[in-house]
Amino acid sequence: MFDIGFWELAIIAVVALIVIGPDKLPGVARTAGKWVGRTRRFVNQVKTDIDREIQQDELHKMLEKEAGLDEIKQSLNEGLETSQYSFEEEKDYLVNAIDDAQIEPGSAAEKQSQAEDFDDDGSTGLSDPDKTVKHERT
């Protein structure tokens, strides 16, 4: 904090010895030491209090973020529940459709035969792809 070297301290000690005197110097040094100690403890206590406040503020911010994350998790869980419900409905619909198709095998075969109309010669009645005329751009 202060840039005081050995020679500065020696000069201060000599001046104090001359001004205060050799008989009162030990008492003054003891009192000065007490005040320096109290000042250091006070500064350390203030630093500790500031650090504690900063930590509490950080924890408070983290808790707020976590609360926000809880809300997001809750909304996602609600979305999953509704989508799971719609998946269950779709699954039930598909299972019922498969069961209905297995119960009526004759009707499916009739539909297939109606969809494939063949000519007498076995062709489908569509033109031969090799004989198809292609139009070119000019």
N, C-alpha and C. Protein backbone atom coordinates (compact mmCIF):
# COMPACT_ATOMS: atom_id res chain seq x y z
N MET A 1 0.84 -1.18 0.00
CA MET A 1 0.00 0.00 0.00
C MET A 1 0.89 1.25 0.00
N PHE A 2 1.68 1.39 1.03
CA PHE A 2 2.63 2.50 1.06
C PHE A 2 3.99 1.95 0.67
N ASP A 3 4.73 2.75 -0.07
CA ASP A 3 6.05 2.31 -0.47
C ASP A 3 7.07 2.91 0.48
N ILE A 4 7.25 2.27 1.64
CA ILE A 4 8.18 2.76 2.65
C ILE A 4 9.32 1.75 2.76
N GLY A 5 10.53 2.21 2.52
CA GLY A 5 11.70 1.35 2.58
C GLY A 5 12.36 1.39 3.95
N PHE A 6 13.51 0.70 4.05
CA PHE A 6 14.23 0.62 5.31
C PHE A 6 14.70 1.99 5.78
N TRP A 7 15.25 2.81 4.89
CA TRP A 7 15.80 4.10 5.28
C TRP A 7 14.71 5.06 5.74
N GLU A 8 13.53 4.96 5.12
CA GLU A 8 12.44 5.83 5.57
C GLU A 8 12.00 5.46 6.98
N LEU A 9 11.94 4.15 7.26
CA LEU A 9 11.58 3.71 8.62
C LEU A 9 12.65 4.13 9.63
N ALA A 10 13.91 4.06 9.27
CA ALA A 10 14.99 4.46 10.17
C ALA A 10 14.89 5.95 10.48
N ILE A 11 14.59 6.77 9.48
CA ILE A 11 14.46 8.22 9.71
C ILE A 11 13.27 8.50 10.62
N ILE A 12 12.15 7.81 10.40
CA ILE A 12 10.97 8.01 11.25
C ILE A 12 11.28 7.61 12.70
N ALA A 13 12.02 6.50 12.90
CA ALA A 13 12.38 6.05 14.26
C ALA A 13 13.28 7.07 14.95
N VAL A 14 14.23 7.61 14.25
CA VAL A 14 15.14 8.61 14.84
C VAL A 14 14.37 9.87 15.22
N VAL A 15 13.51 10.35 14.35
CA VAL A 15 12.72 11.55 14.65
C VAL A 15 11.81 11.30 15.85
N ALA A 16 11.17 10.11 15.90
CA ALA A 16 10.29 9.78 17.03
C ALA A 16 11.08 9.71 18.33
N LEU A 17 12.27 9.15 18.28
CA LEU A 17 13.10 9.07 19.48
C LEU A 17 13.48 10.46 19.97
N ILE A 18 13.78 11.36 19.07
CA ILE A 18 14.16 12.72 19.46
C ILE A 18 12.95 13.49 19.97
N VAL A 19 11.81 13.39 19.28
CA VAL A 19 10.64 14.19 19.66
C VAL A 19 9.98 13.63 20.93
N ILE A 20 9.77 12.33 20.97
CA ILE A 20 9.01 11.75 22.09
C ILE A 20 9.92 11.51 23.29
N GLY A 21 11.08 11.06 23.05
CA GLY A 21 12.01 10.78 24.14
C GLY A 21 12.10 9.28 24.36
N PRO A 22 13.20 8.87 24.94
CA PRO A 22 13.42 7.43 25.13
C PRO A 22 12.51 6.79 26.18
N ASP A 23 12.03 7.55 27.16
CA ASP A 23 11.18 6.96 28.20
C ASP A 23 9.74 6.72 27.73
N LYS A 24 9.20 7.56 26.85
CA LYS A 24 7.80 7.37 26.40
C LYS A 24 7.71 6.60 25.07
N LEU A 25 8.81 6.38 24.41
CA LEU A 25 8.79 5.75 23.08
C LEU A 25 8.19 4.33 23.10
N PRO A 26 8.51 3.46 24.07
CA PRO A 26 7.90 2.12 24.05
C PRO A 26 6.38 2.15 24.20
N GLY A 27 5.84 3.02 25.03
CA GLY A 27 4.37 3.13 25.20
C GLY A 27 3.71 3.64 23.93
N VAL A 28 4.33 4.63 23.27
CA VAL A 28 3.79 5.16 22.02
C VAL A 28 3.84 4.09 20.92
N ALA A 29 4.92 3.34 20.87
CA ALA A 29 5.05 2.27 19.86
C ALA A 29 3.98 1.20 20.08
N ARG A 30 3.74 0.85 21.35
CA ARG A 30 2.70 -0.14 21.67
C ARG A 30 1.34 0.37 21.25
N THR A 31 1.00 1.62 21.53
CA THR A 31 -0.28 2.21 21.15
C THR A 31 -0.41 2.28 19.63
N ALA A 32 0.65 2.68 18.96
CA ALA A 32 0.63 2.74 17.50
C ALA A 32 0.42 1.33 16.93
N GLY A 33 1.06 0.33 17.51
CA GLY A 33 0.89 -1.06 17.06
C GLY A 33 -0.55 -1.53 17.22
N LYS A 34 -1.19 -1.14 18.35
CA LYS A 34 -2.60 -1.51 18.57
C LYS A 34 -3.48 -0.88 17.49
N TRP A 35 -3.23 0.40 17.21
CA TRP A 35 -4.05 1.08 16.20
C TRP A 35 -3.83 0.48 14.80
N VAL A 36 -2.61 0.15 14.49
CA VAL A 36 -2.34 -0.48 13.19
C VAL A 36 -3.05 -1.84 13.12
N GLY A 37 -2.99 -2.61 14.20
CA GLY A 37 -3.67 -3.91 14.25
C GLY A 37 -5.18 -3.77 14.09
N ARG A 38 -5.76 -2.79 14.80
CA ARG A 38 -7.21 -2.56 14.67
C ARG A 38 -7.59 -2.16 13.24
N THR A 39 -6.75 -1.29 12.65
CA THR A 39 -7.02 -0.85 11.28
C THR A 39 -6.96 -2.03 10.31
N ARG A 40 -5.96 -2.90 10.47
CA ARG A 40 -5.85 -4.07 9.59
C ARG A 40 -7.04 -5.00 9.77
N ARG A 41 -7.45 -5.25 11.02
CA ARG A 41 -8.62 -6.12 11.25
C ARG A 41 -9.87 -5.52 10.64
N PHE A 42 -10.03 -4.18 10.78
CA PHE A 42 -11.20 -3.52 10.21
C PHE A 42 -11.20 -3.66 8.68
N VAL A 43 -10.05 -3.44 8.04
CA VAL A 43 -9.95 -3.56 6.59
C VAL A 43 -10.24 -4.99 6.15
N ASN A 44 -9.69 -5.97 6.86
CA ASN A 44 -9.95 -7.38 6.53
C ASN A 44 -11.42 -7.73 6.71
N GLN A 45 -12.05 -7.19 7.76
CA GLN A 45 -13.48 -7.45 7.99
C GLN A 45 -14.33 -6.85 6.87
N VAL A 46 -13.98 -5.65 6.44
CA VAL A 46 -14.71 -5.01 5.33
C VAL A 46 -14.55 -5.83 4.05
N LYS A 47 -13.31 -6.30 3.77
CA LYS A 47 -13.09 -7.14 2.59
C LYS A 47 -13.92 -8.42 2.66
N THR A 48 -13.93 -9.04 3.84
CA THR A 48 -14.70 -10.27 4.01
C THR A 48 -16.19 -10.02 3.80
N ASP A 49 -16.70 -8.91 4.35
CA ASP A 49 -18.12 -8.58 4.17
C ASP A 49 -18.45 -8.33 2.70
N ILE A 50 -17.57 -7.64 2.00
CA ILE A 50 -17.80 -7.37 0.57
C ILE A 50 -17.80 -8.68 -0.21
N ASP A 51 -16.83 -9.56 0.07
CA ASP A 51 -16.78 -10.85 -0.61
C ASP A 51 -18.03 -11.68 -0.33
N ARG A 52 -18.48 -11.66 0.91
CA ARG A 52 -19.69 -12.38 1.28
C ARG A 52 -20.91 -11.85 0.53
N GLU A 53 -21.00 -10.52 0.43
CA GLU A 53 -22.12 -9.91 -0.31
C GLU A 53 -22.08 -10.28 -1.79
N ILE A 54 -20.89 -10.29 -2.36
CA ILE A 54 -20.74 -10.66 -3.77
C ILE A 54 -21.17 -12.11 -3.97
N GLN A 55 -20.74 -13.01 -3.09
CA GLN A 55 -21.13 -14.42 -3.19
C GLN A 55 -22.64 -14.59 -3.05
N GLN A 56 -23.24 -13.86 -2.11
CA GLN A 56 -24.69 -13.94 -1.94
C GLN A 56 -25.42 -13.44 -3.19
N ASP A 57 -24.90 -12.37 -3.78
CA ASP A 57 -25.51 -11.84 -5.00
C ASP A 57 -25.39 -12.85 -6.15
N GLU A 58 -24.22 -13.50 -6.28
CA GLU A 58 -24.04 -14.51 -7.33
C GLU A 58 -24.97 -15.70 -7.10
N LEU A 59 -25.11 -16.14 -5.85
CA LEU A 59 -26.02 -17.24 -5.55
C LEU A 59 -27.47 -16.86 -5.86
N HIS A 60 -27.81 -15.62 -5.55
CA HIS A 60 -29.17 -15.14 -5.83
C HIS A 60 -29.44 -15.15 -7.33
N LYS A 61 -28.45 -14.70 -8.12
CA LYS A 61 -28.61 -14.71 -9.58
C LYS A 61 -28.71 -16.12 -10.11
N MET A 62 -27.90 -17.04 -9.56
CA MET A 62 -27.97 -18.43 -9.99
C MET A 62 -29.32 -19.05 -9.66
N LEU A 63 -29.86 -18.72 -8.50
CA LEU A 63 -31.18 -19.23 -8.12
C LEU A 63 -32.26 -18.68 -9.04
N GLU A 64 -32.14 -17.41 -9.44
CA GLU A 64 -33.10 -16.84 -10.37
C GLU A 64 -33.02 -17.54 -11.72
N LYS A 65 -31.79 -17.81 -12.18
CA LYS A 65 -31.63 -18.53 -13.45
C LYS A 65 -32.22 -19.93 -13.34
N GLU A 66 -31.97 -20.58 -12.20
CA GLU A 66 -32.49 -21.93 -12.00
C GLU A 66 -34.01 -21.92 -11.95
N ALA A 67 -34.58 -20.88 -11.35
CA ALA A 67 -36.03 -20.77 -11.33
C ALA A 67 -36.57 -20.61 -12.74
N GLY A 68 -35.87 -19.83 -13.56
CA GLY A 68 -36.25 -19.68 -14.96
C GLY A 68 -36.12 -21.00 -15.71
N LEU A 69 -35.06 -21.76 -15.39
CA LEU A 69 -34.89 -23.06 -16.02
C LEU A 69 -35.98 -24.03 -15.58
N ASP A 70 -36.41 -23.92 -14.33
CA ASP A 70 -37.50 -24.78 -13.86
C ASP A 70 -38.78 -24.49 -14.64
N GLU A 71 -39.03 -23.22 -14.92
CA GLU A 71 -40.22 -22.88 -15.70
C GLU A 71 -40.12 -23.44 -17.11
N ILE A 72 -38.93 -23.37 -17.70
CA ILE A 72 -38.73 -23.91 -19.04
C ILE A 72 -38.91 -25.43 -19.02
N LYS A 73 -38.33 -26.09 -18.01
CA LYS A 73 -38.48 -27.54 -17.89
C LYS A 73 -39.95 -27.92 -17.75
N GLN A 74 -40.67 -27.15 -16.95
CA GLN A 74 -42.08 -27.44 -16.73
C GLN A 74 -42.86 -27.28 -18.04
N SER A 75 -42.59 -26.23 -18.80
CA SER A 75 -43.30 -26.04 -20.06
C SER A 75 -42.93 -27.12 -21.06
N LEU A 76 -41.66 -27.55 -21.07
CA LEU A 76 -41.26 -28.64 -21.96
C LEU A 76 -41.94 -29.95 -21.56
N ASN A 77 -42.02 -30.20 -20.27
CA ASN A 77 -42.69 -31.42 -19.81
C ASN A 77 -44.17 -31.41 -20.19
N GLU A 78 -44.80 -30.25 -20.09
CA GLU A 78 -46.21 -30.15 -20.49
C GLU A 78 -46.35 -30.40 -21.99
N GLY A 79 -45.41 -29.87 -22.78
CA GLY A 79 -45.43 -30.10 -24.22
C GLY A 79 -45.23 -31.56 -24.55
N LEU A 80 -44.34 -32.22 -23.80
CA LEU A 80 -44.11 -33.65 -24.04
C LEU A 80 -45.34 -34.47 -23.69
N GLU A 81 -46.03 -34.08 -22.62
CA GLU A 81 -47.23 -34.81 -22.24
C GLU A 81 -48.31 -34.70 -23.31
N THR A 82 -48.48 -33.52 -23.89
CA THR A 82 -49.50 -33.36 -24.93
C THR A 82 -49.09 -34.09 -26.20
N SER A 83 -47.80 -34.06 -26.55
CA SER A 83 -47.37 -34.77 -27.75
C SER A 83 -47.44 -36.27 -27.52
N GLN A 84 -47.16 -36.71 -26.30
CA GLN A 84 -47.27 -38.13 -26.01
C GLN A 84 -48.73 -38.57 -26.12
N TYR A 85 -49.64 -37.71 -25.69
CA TYR A 85 -51.05 -38.01 -25.80
C TYR A 85 -51.45 -38.15 -27.27
N SER A 86 -50.97 -37.25 -28.14
CA SER A 86 -51.31 -37.33 -29.56
C SER A 86 -50.66 -38.55 -30.19
N PHE A 87 -49.47 -38.94 -29.73
CA PHE A 87 -48.85 -40.16 -30.25
C PHE A 87 -49.67 -41.38 -29.86
N GLU A 88 -50.18 -41.38 -28.65
CA GLU A 88 -51.01 -42.50 -28.21
C GLU A 88 -52.28 -42.58 -29.07
N GLU A 89 -52.86 -41.44 -29.38
CA GLU A 89 -54.05 -41.43 -30.24
C GLU A 89 -53.73 -41.97 -31.62
N GLU A 90 -52.61 -41.53 -32.20
CA GLU A 90 -52.19 -41.99 -33.53
C GLU A 90 -51.92 -43.49 -33.52
N LYS A 91 -51.26 -43.96 -32.46
CA LYS A 91 -50.96 -45.39 -32.36
C LYS A 91 -52.25 -46.19 -32.31
N ASP A 92 -53.21 -45.74 -31.49
CA ASP A 92 -54.50 -46.45 -31.40
C ASP A 92 -55.21 -46.45 -32.74
N TYR A 93 -55.16 -45.33 -33.46
CA TYR A 93 -55.82 -45.25 -34.76
C TYR A 93 -55.19 -46.23 -35.74
N LEU A 94 -53.84 -46.27 -35.76
CA LEU A 94 -53.15 -47.17 -36.68
C LEU A 94 -53.39 -48.63 -36.32
N VAL A 95 -53.41 -48.96 -35.05
CA VAL A 95 -53.68 -50.34 -34.63
C VAL A 95 -55.08 -50.74 -35.06
N ASN A 96 -56.04 -49.86 -34.86
CA ASN A 96 -57.42 -50.15 -35.28
C ASN A 96 -57.51 -50.30 -36.79
N ALA A 97 -56.80 -49.48 -37.55
CA ALA A 97 -56.83 -49.58 -39.00
C ALA A 97 -56.22 -50.90 -39.46
N ILE A 98 -55.14 -51.33 -38.83
CA ILE A 98 -54.53 -52.61 -39.19
C ILE A 98 -55.46 -53.75 -38.85
N ASP A 99 -56.10 -53.67 -37.68
CA ASP A 99 -57.05 -54.71 -37.30
C ASP A 99 -58.22 -54.77 -38.27
N ASP A 100 -58.73 -53.63 -38.70
CA ASP A 100 -59.83 -53.61 -39.67
C ASP A 100 -59.39 -54.19 -41.00
N ALA A 101 -58.16 -53.93 -41.42
CA ALA A 101 -57.65 -54.45 -42.69
C ALA A 101 -57.48 -55.96 -42.62
N GLN A 102 -57.11 -56.49 -41.47
CA GLN A 102 -56.94 -57.92 -41.33
C GLN A 102 -58.29 -58.63 -41.26
N ILE A 103 -59.30 -57.98 -40.75
CA ILE A 103 -60.64 -58.58 -40.65
C ILE A 103 -61.27 -58.69 -42.03
N GLU A 104 -61.08 -57.73 -42.90
CA GLU A 104 -61.70 -57.70 -44.22
C GLU A 104 -60.67 -57.94 -45.31
N PRO A 105 -60.11 -59.17 -45.44
CA PRO A 105 -59.11 -59.39 -46.47
C PRO A 105 -59.71 -59.44 -47.87
N GLY A 106 -60.96 -59.85 -48.03
CA GLY A 106 -61.59 -59.93 -49.34
C GLY A 106 -61.80 -58.57 -49.96
N SER A 107 -62.16 -57.59 -49.16
CA SER A 107 -62.42 -56.26 -49.70
C SER A 107 -61.13 -55.62 -50.19
N ALA A 108 -60.00 -55.90 -49.54
CA ALA A 108 -58.73 -55.34 -49.99
C ALA A 108 -58.32 -55.96 -51.32
N ALA A 109 -58.58 -57.24 -51.49
CA ALA A 109 -58.23 -57.90 -52.75
C ALA A 109 -59.08 -57.36 -53.89
N GLU A 110 -60.35 -57.09 -53.62
CA GLU A 110 -61.23 -56.53 -54.65
C GLU A 110 -60.76 -55.14 -55.06
N LYS A 111 -60.36 -54.34 -54.11
CA LYS A 111 -59.88 -52.99 -54.42
C LYS A 111 -58.61 -53.05 -55.27
N GLN A 112 -57.77 -54.03 -54.99
CA GLN A 112 -56.54 -54.15 -55.75
C GLN A 112 -56.84 -54.58 -57.19
N SER A 113 -57.79 -55.48 -57.34
CA SER A 113 -58.11 -55.93 -58.69
C SER A 113 -58.78 -54.83 -59.51
N GLN A 114 -59.56 -53.99 -58.86
CA GLN A 114 -60.19 -52.88 -59.56
C GLN A 114 -59.16 -51.82 -59.95
N ALA A 115 -58.13 -51.68 -59.18
CA ALA A 115 -57.11 -50.68 -59.46
C ALA A 115 -56.24 -51.08 -60.64
N GLU A 116 -56.11 -52.36 -60.89
CA GLU A 116 -55.26 -52.83 -61.98
C GLU A 116 -56.14 -53.35 -63.11
N ASP A 117 -56.57 -52.49 -63.97
CA ASP A 117 -57.34 -52.89 -65.14
C ASP A 117 -56.36 -53.27 -66.24
N PHE A 118 -56.42 -54.53 -66.65
CA PHE A 118 -55.57 -55.00 -67.73
C PHE A 118 -56.40 -55.18 -68.99
N ASP A 119 -55.76 -54.99 -70.13
CA ASP A 119 -56.40 -55.29 -71.40
C ASP A 119 -56.38 -56.80 -71.61
N ASP A 120 -57.03 -57.23 -72.68
CA ASP A 120 -57.09 -58.66 -72.97
C ASP A 120 -55.72 -59.24 -73.27
N ASP A 121 -54.85 -58.44 -73.83
CA ASP A 121 -53.53 -58.96 -74.17
C ASP A 121 -52.55 -58.90 -73.01
N GLY A 122 -53.01 -58.48 -71.81
CA GLY A 122 -52.16 -58.46 -70.61
C GLY A 122 -51.50 -57.13 -70.37
N SER A 123 -51.66 -56.17 -71.28
CA SER A 123 -51.04 -54.86 -71.06
C SER A 123 -51.97 -54.00 -70.24
N THR A 124 -51.45 -52.93 -69.74
CA THR A 124 -52.24 -52.03 -68.90
C THR A 124 -52.96 -50.99 -69.70
N GLY A 125 -52.78 -50.95 -70.98
CA GLY A 125 -53.46 -49.98 -71.81
C GLY A 125 -52.66 -48.70 -71.97
N LEU A 126 -51.52 -48.63 -71.35
CA LEU A 126 -50.70 -47.43 -71.48
C LEU A 126 -49.87 -47.54 -72.74
N SER A 127 -49.51 -46.42 -73.30
CA SER A 127 -48.73 -46.43 -74.53
C SER A 127 -47.33 -46.92 -74.25
N ASP A 128 -46.70 -47.42 -75.28
CA ASP A 128 -45.33 -47.92 -75.18
C ASP A 128 -44.39 -46.74 -74.99
N PRO A 129 -43.55 -46.77 -73.98
CA PRO A 129 -42.68 -45.61 -73.73
C PRO A 129 -41.68 -45.36 -74.85
N ASP A 130 -41.34 -46.40 -75.64
CA ASP A 130 -40.41 -46.19 -76.74
C ASP A 130 -41.05 -45.43 -77.88
N LYS A 131 -42.40 -45.51 -78.01
CA LYS A 131 -43.10 -44.86 -79.10
C LYS A 131 -43.58 -43.46 -78.74
N THR A 132 -43.27 -43.01 -77.53
CA THR A 132 -43.70 -41.72 -77.07
C THR A 132 -42.94 -40.63 -77.82
N VAL A 133 -43.65 -39.61 -78.29
CA VAL A 133 -43.06 -38.52 -79.04
C VAL A 133 -42.56 -37.47 -78.04
N LYS A 134 -41.34 -37.09 -78.20
CA LYS A 134 -40.78 -36.07 -77.33
C LYS A 134 -40.79 -34.75 -78.07
N HIS A 135 -41.21 -33.72 -77.40
CA HIS A 135 -41.24 -32.40 -77.98
C HIS A 135 -39.99 -31.64 -77.58
N GLU A 136 -39.34 -31.10 -78.56
CA GLU A 136 -38.11 -30.34 -78.27
C GLU A 136 -38.39 -28.87 -78.38
N ARG A 137 -37.69 -28.08 -77.64
CA ARG A 137 -37.83 -26.62 -77.69
C ARG A 137 -37.05 -26.10 -78.89
N THR A 138 -37.63 -25.13 -79.51
CA THR A 138 -36.96 -24.52 -80.64
C THR A 138 -36.59 -23.09 -80.38
